[in-house]
Amino acid sequence: MLQLLYRSFALLPEIDSSNLAIVQAALTHNPKVGISGYLWRAETQFFQALHGPTAAVQALMERIKADPRHHSVEILLQEQAQPSSPFEGWSMGYDLIGIELAGFGLDAQGQRPEVDALSARQLYVEMAQAARDAAQFGSAFPYARQAGESEEQYFARLNAAT
């Protein structure tokens, strides 16, 4: 099993239907190949944590890198993982966060800060905790999973929104 964390620059606005399309595609594809994870949109950046079979995660990353909705994909963490996923019950979760919460905002020149291995692991852990919190308490963001909502209910609600 592999756990992977990346960040990239989004090309479309923070509130855009393309973000919903990303989540819908993940909810369709990921269960078939055993991938789970969580996606954060933080202003102009995406942060995504993935967990799953090594070959499946690597193949997904190739598709992600080629996706025209973002650029400058940077892998922050890629390491072997335990079989149990920290994103259990999430083929893909999604939420908006304030960049201050992520601690990875751009500097005055628009550059991303360096992320060392320890910080990347900590961010991965924080995203896993956010997934657990969202499952329990929900989110104010309408495209995030709501408290007590199963993944099937979440998927159906997102599909009804399009």
C-alpha atoms as a PDB file:
ATOM      1  CA  MET A   1       0.000   0.000   0.000  1.00  0.00           C
ATOM      2  CA  LEU A   2       1.080   3.538  -0.715  1.00  0.00           C
ATOM      3  CA  GLN A   3       0.238   6.857   0.882  1.00  0.00           C
ATOM      4  CA  LEU A   4       0.800   9.958  -1.168  1.00  0.00           C
ATOM      5  CA  LEU A   5       0.274  13.681  -0.662  1.00  0.00           C
ATOM      6  CA  TYR A   6       0.600  16.331  -3.355  1.00  0.00           C
ATOM      7  CA  ARG A   7      -0.184  19.962  -3.904  1.00  0.00           C
ATOM      8  CA  SER A   8      -0.808  21.885  -7.091  1.00  0.00           C
ATOM      9  CA  PHE A   9      -1.997  25.258  -8.353  1.00  0.00           C
ATOM     10  CA  ALA A  10      -5.626  25.381  -9.469  1.00  0.00           C
ATOM     11  CA  LEU A  11      -6.384  27.060 -12.788  1.00  0.00           C
ATOM     12  CA  LEU A  12     -10.074  27.714 -12.100  1.00  0.00           C
ATOM     13  CA  PRO A  13     -11.786  29.753  -9.360  1.00  0.00           C
ATOM     14  CA  GLU A  14     -12.106  28.321  -5.855  1.00  0.00           C
ATOM     15  CA  ILE A  15     -15.881  27.873  -6.209  1.00  0.00           C
ATOM     16  CA  ASP A  16     -16.204  26.201  -9.596  1.00  0.00           C
ATOM     17  CA  SER A  17     -18.161  23.232 -10.923  1.00  0.00           C
ATOM     18  CA  SER A  18     -14.893  21.658 -12.077  1.00  0.00           C
ATOM     19  CA  ASN A  19     -14.068  20.906  -8.431  1.00  0.00           C
ATOM     20  CA  LEU A  20     -17.332  19.024  -8.104  1.00  0.00           C
ATOM     21  CA  ALA A  21     -16.478  17.082 -11.270  1.00  0.00           C
ATOM     22  CA  ILE A  22     -13.129  16.060  -9.727  1.00  0.00           C
ATOM     23  CA  VAL A  23     -14.863  14.651  -6.655  1.00  0.00           C
ATOM     24  CA  GLN A  24     -17.549  12.894  -8.696  1.00  0.00           C
ATOM     25  CA  ALA A  25     -14.904  11.222 -10.857  1.00  0.00           C
ATOM     26  CA  ALA A  26     -12.994  10.124  -7.758  1.00  0.00           C
ATOM     27  CA  LEU A  27     -16.142   8.706  -6.140  1.00  0.00           C
ATOM     28  CA  THR A  28     -16.766   6.686  -9.296  1.00  0.00           C
ATOM     29  CA  HIS A  29     -13.194   5.499  -9.957  1.00  0.00           C
ATOM     30  CA  ASN A  30     -11.515   5.088  -6.572  1.00  0.00           C
ATOM     31  CA  PRO A  31     -13.704   2.353  -5.035  1.00  0.00           C
ATOM     32  CA  LYS A  32     -13.040   0.148  -8.063  1.00  0.00           C
ATOM     33  CA  VAL A  33      -9.270   0.200  -7.442  1.00  0.00           C
ATOM     34  CA  GLY A  34      -9.164   0.434  -3.645  1.00  0.00           C
ATOM     35  CA  ILE A  35      -8.102   4.079  -3.309  1.00  0.00           C
ATOM     36  CA  SER A  36      -9.281   6.341  -0.522  1.00  0.00           C
ATOM     37  CA  GLY A  37      -8.375   9.925   0.239  1.00  0.00           C
ATOM     38  CA  TYR A  38      -9.232  13.519   0.856  1.00  0.00           C
ATOM     39  CA  LEU A  39      -8.985  16.681  -1.249  1.00  0.00           C
ATOM     40  CA  TRP A  40      -8.643  20.201   0.092  1.00  0.00           C
ATOM     41  CA  ARG A  41      -9.092  23.317  -1.964  1.00  0.00           C
ATOM     42  CA  ALA A  42      -7.151  26.116  -0.285  1.00  0.00           C
ATOM     43  CA  GLU A  43      -7.656  29.275  -2.323  1.00  0.00           C
ATOM     44  CA  THR A  44      -5.397  28.853  -5.388  1.00  0.00           C
ATOM     45  CA  GLN A  45      -4.044  25.446  -4.362  1.00  0.00           C
ATOM     46  CA  PHE A  46      -5.177  21.845  -4.174  1.00  0.00           C
ATOM     47  CA  PHE A  47      -3.870  19.473  -1.510  1.00  0.00           C
ATOM     48  CA  GLN A  48      -4.772  15.824  -1.949  1.00  0.00           C
ATOM     49  CA  ALA A  49      -3.957  12.830   0.231  1.00  0.00           C
ATOM     50  CA  LEU A  50      -4.303   9.352  -1.278  1.00  0.00           C
ATOM     51  CA  HIS A  51      -4.041   5.829   0.136  1.00  0.00           C
ATOM     52  CA  GLY A  52      -4.297   2.562  -1.750  1.00  0.00           C
ATOM     53  CA  PRO A  53      -2.541  -0.170  -3.691  1.00  0.00           C
ATOM     54  CA  THR A  54       0.787   1.150  -4.975  1.00  0.00           C
ATOM     55  CA  ALA A  55       0.104   0.527  -8.668  1.00  0.00           C
ATOM     56  CA  ALA A  56      -3.376   2.062  -8.473  1.00  0.00           C
ATOM     57  CA  VAL A  57      -2.160   5.205  -6.675  1.00  0.00           C
ATOM     58  CA  GLN A  58       0.735   5.623  -9.112  1.00  0.00           C
ATOM     59  CA  ALA A  59      -1.589   5.224 -12.115  1.00  0.00           C
ATOM     60  CA  LEU A  60      -4.011   7.747 -10.607  1.00  0.00           C
ATOM     61  CA  MET A  61      -1.158  10.203 -10.066  1.00  0.00           C
ATOM     62  CA  GLU A  62      -0.245   9.993 -13.753  1.00  0.00           C
ATOM     63  CA  ARG A  63      -3.836  10.964 -14.643  1.00  0.00           C
ATOM     64  CA  ILE A  64      -3.834  13.706 -12.010  1.00  0.00           C
ATOM     65  CA  LYS A  65      -0.587  15.190 -13.344  1.00  0.00           C
ATOM     66  CA  ALA A  66      -2.121  15.357 -16.832  1.00  0.00           C
ATOM     67  CA  ASP A  67      -5.365  17.010 -15.655  1.00  0.00           C
ATOM     68  CA  PRO A  68      -5.681  20.482 -17.257  1.00  0.00           C
ATOM     69  CA  ARG A  69      -7.536  21.951 -14.248  1.00  0.00           C
ATOM     70  CA  HIS A  70      -4.276  22.485 -12.378  1.00  0.00           C
ATOM     71  CA  HIS A  71      -0.513  22.785 -12.844  1.00  0.00           C
ATOM     72  CA  SER A  72       2.778  22.527 -10.955  1.00  0.00           C
ATOM     73  CA  VAL A  73       1.947  19.250  -9.236  1.00  0.00           C
ATOM     74  CA  GLU A  74       4.415  18.664  -6.415  1.00  0.00           C
ATOM     75  CA  ILE A  75       4.501  15.367  -4.551  1.00  0.00           C
ATOM     76  CA  LEU A  76       5.105  16.166  -0.891  1.00  0.00           C
ATOM     77  CA  LEU A  77       4.937  12.638   0.518  1.00  0.00           C
ATOM     78  CA  GLN A  78       5.127   9.202  -1.063  1.00  0.00           C
ATOM     79  CA  GLU A  79       5.789   6.218   1.170  1.00  0.00           C
ATOM     80  CA  GLN A  80       4.694   2.721   1.959  1.00  0.00           C
ATOM     81  CA  ALA A  81       1.609   2.556   4.159  1.00  0.00           C
ATOM     82  CA  GLN A  82      -0.267   0.211   6.435  1.00  0.00           C
ATOM     83  CA  PRO A  83      -3.056  -1.796   4.800  1.00  0.00           C
ATOM     84  CA  SER A  84      -5.779   0.029   6.722  1.00  0.00           C
ATOM     85  CA  SER A  85      -6.579   3.452   5.335  1.00  0.00           C
ATOM     86  CA  PRO A  86      -6.684   6.560   7.514  1.00  0.00           C
ATOM     87  CA  PHE A  87      -9.498   7.630   5.149  1.00  0.00           C
ATOM     88  CA  GLU A  88     -11.674   4.591   5.820  1.00  0.00           C
ATOM     89  CA  GLY A  89     -15.123   5.136   4.345  1.00  0.00           C
ATOM     90  CA  TRP A  90     -13.934   7.846   1.938  1.00  0.00           C
ATOM     91  CA  SER A  91     -13.330   7.058  -1.711  1.00  0.00           C
ATOM     92  CA  MET A  92     -12.702  10.788  -1.813  1.00  0.00           C
ATOM     93  CA  GLY A  93     -13.656  13.528   0.573  1.00  0.00           C
ATOM     94  CA  TYR A  94     -13.575  17.204  -0.333  1.00  0.00           C
ATOM     95  CA  ASP A  95     -13.643  20.461   1.545  1.00  0.00           C
ATOM     96  CA  LEU A  96     -12.549  24.076   1.287  1.00  0.00           C
ATOM     97  CA  ILE A  97     -10.103  25.317   3.875  1.00  0.00           C
ATOM     98  CA  GLY A  98      -8.536  28.641   4.661  1.00  0.00           C
ATOM     99  CA  ILE A  99      -4.920  28.630   3.581  1.00  0.00           C
ATOM    100  CA  GLU A 100      -3.983  29.863   7.037  1.00  0.00           C
ATOM    101  CA  LEU A 101      -5.349  26.616   8.453  1.00  0.00           C
ATOM    102  CA  ALA A 102      -3.203  24.593   6.092  1.00  0.00           C
ATOM    103  CA  GLY A 103      -0.155  26.692   6.920  1.00  0.00           C
ATOM    104  CA  PHE A 104       1.034  26.516   3.346  1.00  0.00           C
ATOM    105  CA  GLY A 105       0.003  29.876   1.914  1.00  0.00           C
ATOM    106  CA  LEU A 106       1.952  31.614  -0.791  1.00  0.00           C
ATOM    107  CA  ASP A 107       4.629  34.150   0.103  1.00  0.00           C
ATOM    108  CA  ALA A 108       4.627  37.776  -1.082  1.00  0.00           C
ATOM    109  CA  GLN A 109       6.150  36.697  -4.420  1.00  0.00           C
ATOM    110  CA  GLY A 110       3.442  34.064  -4.995  1.00  0.00           C
ATOM    111  CA  GLN A 111       5.783  31.167  -4.232  1.00  0.00           C
ATOM    112  CA  ARG A 112       4.823  28.111  -2.228  1.00  0.00           C
ATOM    113  CA  PRO A 113       6.815  27.468   0.940  1.00  0.00           C
ATOM    114  CA  GLU A 114       9.142  24.488   1.088  1.00  0.00           C
ATOM    115  CA  VAL A 115       7.611  21.455   2.780  1.00  0.00           C
ATOM    116  CA  ASP A 116       9.904  19.051   4.588  1.00  0.00           C
ATOM    117  CA  ALA A 117       9.077  15.383   5.143  1.00  0.00           C
ATOM    118  CA  LEU A 118       7.927  15.905   8.730  1.00  0.00           C
ATOM    119  CA  SER A 119       5.553  18.729   7.728  1.00  0.00           C
ATOM    120  CA  ALA A 120       4.174  16.639   4.842  1.00  0.00           C
ATOM    121  CA  ARG A 121       3.476  13.699   7.165  1.00  0.00           C
ATOM    122  CA  GLN A 122       1.810  16.040   9.652  1.00  0.00           C
ATOM    123  CA  LEU A 123      -0.392  17.502   6.899  1.00  0.00           C
ATOM    124  CA  TYR A 124      -1.359  13.973   5.815  1.00  0.00           C
ATOM    125  CA  VAL A 125      -2.365  13.190   9.417  1.00  0.00           C
ATOM    126  CA  GLU A 126      -4.336  16.450   9.634  1.00  0.00           C
ATOM    127  CA  MET A 127      -6.201  15.606   6.434  1.00  0.00           C
ATOM    128  CA  ALA A 128      -7.065  12.157   7.815  1.00  0.00           C
ATOM    129  CA  GLN A 129      -8.380  13.810  10.987  1.00  0.00           C
ATOM    130  CA  ALA A 130     -10.376  16.280   8.872  1.00  0.00           C
ATOM    131  CA  ALA A 131     -11.961  13.324   7.070  1.00  0.00           C
ATOM    132  CA  ARG A 132     -12.978  11.752  10.387  1.00  0.00           C
ATOM    133  CA  ASP A 133     -14.297  15.099  11.647  1.00  0.00           C
ATOM    134  CA  ALA A 134     -16.282  15.703   8.454  1.00  0.00           C
ATOM    135  CA  ALA A 135     -17.853  12.247   8.681  1.00  0.00           C
ATOM    136  CA  GLN A 136     -18.939  12.997  12.235  1.00  0.00           C
ATOM    137  CA  PHE A 137     -19.740  16.711  12.153  1.00  0.00           C
ATOM    138  CA  GLY A 138     -20.112  17.590   8.455  1.00  0.00           C
ATOM    139  CA  SER A 139     -19.011  20.828   6.820  1.00  0.00           C
ATOM    140  CA  ALA A 140     -20.605  24.154   6.001  1.00  0.00           C
ATOM    141  CA  PHE A 141     -19.346  23.832   2.420  1.00  0.00           C
ATOM    142  CA  PRO A 142     -22.206  22.452   0.289  1.00  0.00           C
ATOM    143  CA  TYR A 143     -20.008  20.088  -1.772  1.00  0.00           C
ATOM    144  CA  ALA A 144     -18.519  18.470   1.329  1.00  0.00           C
ATOM    145  CA  ARG A 145     -19.971  15.362   2.928  1.00  0.00           C
ATOM    146  CA  GLN A 146     -22.502  16.189   5.622  1.00  0.00           C
ATOM    147  CA  ALA A 147     -22.650  14.728   9.137  1.00  0.00           C
ATOM    148  CA  GLY A 148     -23.970  11.168   9.109  1.00  0.00           C
ATOM    149  CA  GLU A 149     -24.141  11.081   5.312  1.00  0.00           C
ATOM    150  CA  SER A 150     -22.958   7.804   3.809  1.00  0.00           C
ATOM    151  CA  GLU A 151     -20.693   7.893   0.800  1.00  0.00           C
ATOM    152  CA  GLU A 152     -23.590   6.664  -1.360  1.00  0.00           C
ATOM    153  CA  GLN A 153     -25.819   9.487  -0.105  1.00  0.00           C
ATOM    154  CA  TYR A 154     -22.989  11.965  -0.638  1.00  0.00           C
ATOM    155  CA  PHE A 155     -22.470  10.787  -4.214  1.00  0.00           C
ATOM    156  CA  ALA A 156     -26.205  10.963  -4.948  1.00  0.00           C
ATOM    157  CA  ARG A 157     -26.423  14.510  -3.540  1.00  0.00           C
ATOM    158  CA  LEU A 158     -23.437  15.686  -5.603  1.00  0.00           C
ATOM    159  CA  ASN A 159     -24.935  14.143  -8.748  1.00  0.00           C
ATOM    160  CA  ALA A 160     -28.244  15.897  -8.077  1.00  0.00           C
ATOM    161  CA  ALA A 161     -26.356  19.219  -7.813  1.00  0.00           C
ATOM    162  CA  THR A 162     -25.118  18.990 -11.411  1.00  0.00           C
END
